[in-house]
Amino acid sequence: MPHLASRSVRRTIRRTQLRQIVPLADTTIYEMEQRGEFPQRFYLTRRCVVWDLAEVEAWIEERRRASHAGKIETAPAPDVRLRKTRPVK
């Protein structure tokens, strides 16, 4: 019988913990999961959804490297002339 200490124990996190680590909306995370751009959630039980903490941390580190390398496209700045209140001329 193998010893439990010799096995690597994978830590999982629930949605509330994920929100504290990754400040994205639930729908954004879900859409990114569907496109294969974010670690996939899985069910521990019928009602308990979790993410692998090591996978989430690796994703964050990958995003950090991509950001520093200029590989992440940023959103364009808003056109302030189109604002309904206090438009800039």
Protein backbone atom coordinates (compact mmCIF):
# COMPACT_ATOMS: atom_id res chain seq x y z
CA MET A 1 0.00 0.00 0.00
CA PRO A 2 1.55 3.35 -1.03
CA HIS A 3 2.10 5.99 1.60
CA LEU A 4 -0.13 9.03 1.39
CA ALA A 5 2.85 11.30 2.08
CA SER A 6 4.50 10.20 -1.16
CA ARG A 7 1.55 11.43 -3.23
CA SER A 8 1.23 15.01 -4.31
CA VAL A 9 -1.89 16.54 -2.77
CA ARG A 10 -3.55 18.99 -5.14
CA ARG A 11 -5.21 21.91 -3.45
CA THR A 12 -8.58 23.04 -4.78
CA ILE A 13 -10.41 26.32 -4.35
CA ARG A 14 -14.08 27.22 -4.50
CA ARG A 15 -15.67 30.13 -6.36
CA THR A 16 -15.37 32.62 -3.47
CA GLN A 17 -11.65 31.91 -3.13
CA LEU A 18 -11.20 32.13 -6.92
CA ARG A 19 -12.84 35.58 -6.90
CA GLN A 20 -10.32 36.76 -4.30
CA ILE A 21 -7.41 35.55 -6.45
CA VAL A 22 -8.70 36.43 -9.93
CA PRO A 23 -10.66 39.70 -10.06
CA LEU A 24 -12.80 38.79 -13.07
CA ALA A 25 -16.57 38.43 -13.31
CA ASP A 26 -18.06 34.93 -13.20
CA THR A 27 -19.28 35.26 -16.79
CA THR A 28 -15.82 36.31 -17.99
CA ILE A 29 -14.24 33.30 -16.30
CA TYR A 30 -16.92 30.99 -17.72
CA GLU A 31 -16.44 32.34 -21.26
CA MET A 32 -12.65 32.03 -20.96
CA GLU A 33 -13.05 28.42 -19.75
CA GLN A 34 -15.24 27.65 -22.77
CA ARG A 35 -12.56 29.05 -25.11
CA GLY A 36 -9.81 27.09 -23.31
CA GLU A 37 -8.19 30.28 -22.00
CA PHE A 38 -8.68 29.58 -18.28
CA PRO A 39 -8.30 26.45 -16.11
CA GLN A 40 -11.40 24.25 -16.20
CA ARG A 41 -13.57 23.88 -13.11
CA PHE A 42 -14.62 20.42 -12.01
CA TYR A 43 -17.14 18.94 -9.62
CA LEU A 44 -16.14 17.36 -6.32
CA THR A 45 -19.80 16.56 -5.66
CA ARG A 46 -23.05 17.32 -7.46
CA ARG A 47 -23.12 20.81 -5.98
CA CYS A 48 -19.49 21.63 -5.22
CA VAL A 49 -17.50 23.18 -8.07
CA VAL A 50 -13.76 23.77 -7.63
CA TRP A 51 -10.64 24.82 -9.53
CA ASP A 52 -7.15 23.39 -9.14
CA LEU A 53 -5.19 26.08 -7.29
CA ALA A 54 -1.89 25.17 -8.98
CA GLU A 55 -3.52 25.53 -12.42
CA VAL A 56 -4.97 28.95 -11.49
CA GLU A 57 -1.60 30.14 -10.14
CA ALA A 58 0.16 28.90 -13.31
CA TRP A 59 -2.43 30.76 -15.43
CA ILE A 60 -1.78 33.98 -13.48
CA GLU A 61 1.99 33.62 -13.94
CA GLU A 62 1.50 32.96 -17.67
CA ARG A 63 -0.63 36.11 -17.95
CA ARG A 64 2.03 38.11 -16.08
CA ARG A 65 4.75 36.96 -18.50
CA ALA A 66 2.53 37.68 -21.52
CA SER A 67 1.70 41.14 -20.16
CA HIS A 68 5.37 42.02 -19.60
CA ALA A 69 6.19 40.77 -23.10
CA GLY A 70 3.44 42.98 -24.59
CA LYS A 71 1.48 40.00 -25.90
CA ILE A 72 -1.84 40.92 -24.27
CA GLU A 73 -3.93 43.30 -26.32
CA THR A 74 -5.39 46.04 -24.16
CA ALA A 75 -8.77 47.65 -24.67
CA PRO A 76 -8.79 50.91 -26.62
CA ALA A 77 -9.23 54.14 -24.69
CA PRO A 78 -12.80 55.44 -24.78
CA ASP A 79 -13.60 58.34 -27.10
CA VAL A 80 -14.50 61.05 -24.59
CA ARG A 81 -16.14 63.11 -27.32
CA LEU A 82 -18.96 60.52 -27.47
CA ARG A 83 -19.93 60.88 -23.80
CA LYS A 84 -23.56 61.88 -23.19
CA THR A 85 -22.68 63.84 -20.06
CA ARG A 86 -19.81 66.33 -20.08
CA PRO A 87 -18.63 65.62 -23.63
CA VAL A 88 -15.18 66.93 -24.50
CA LYS A 89 -15.13 69.16 -27.56
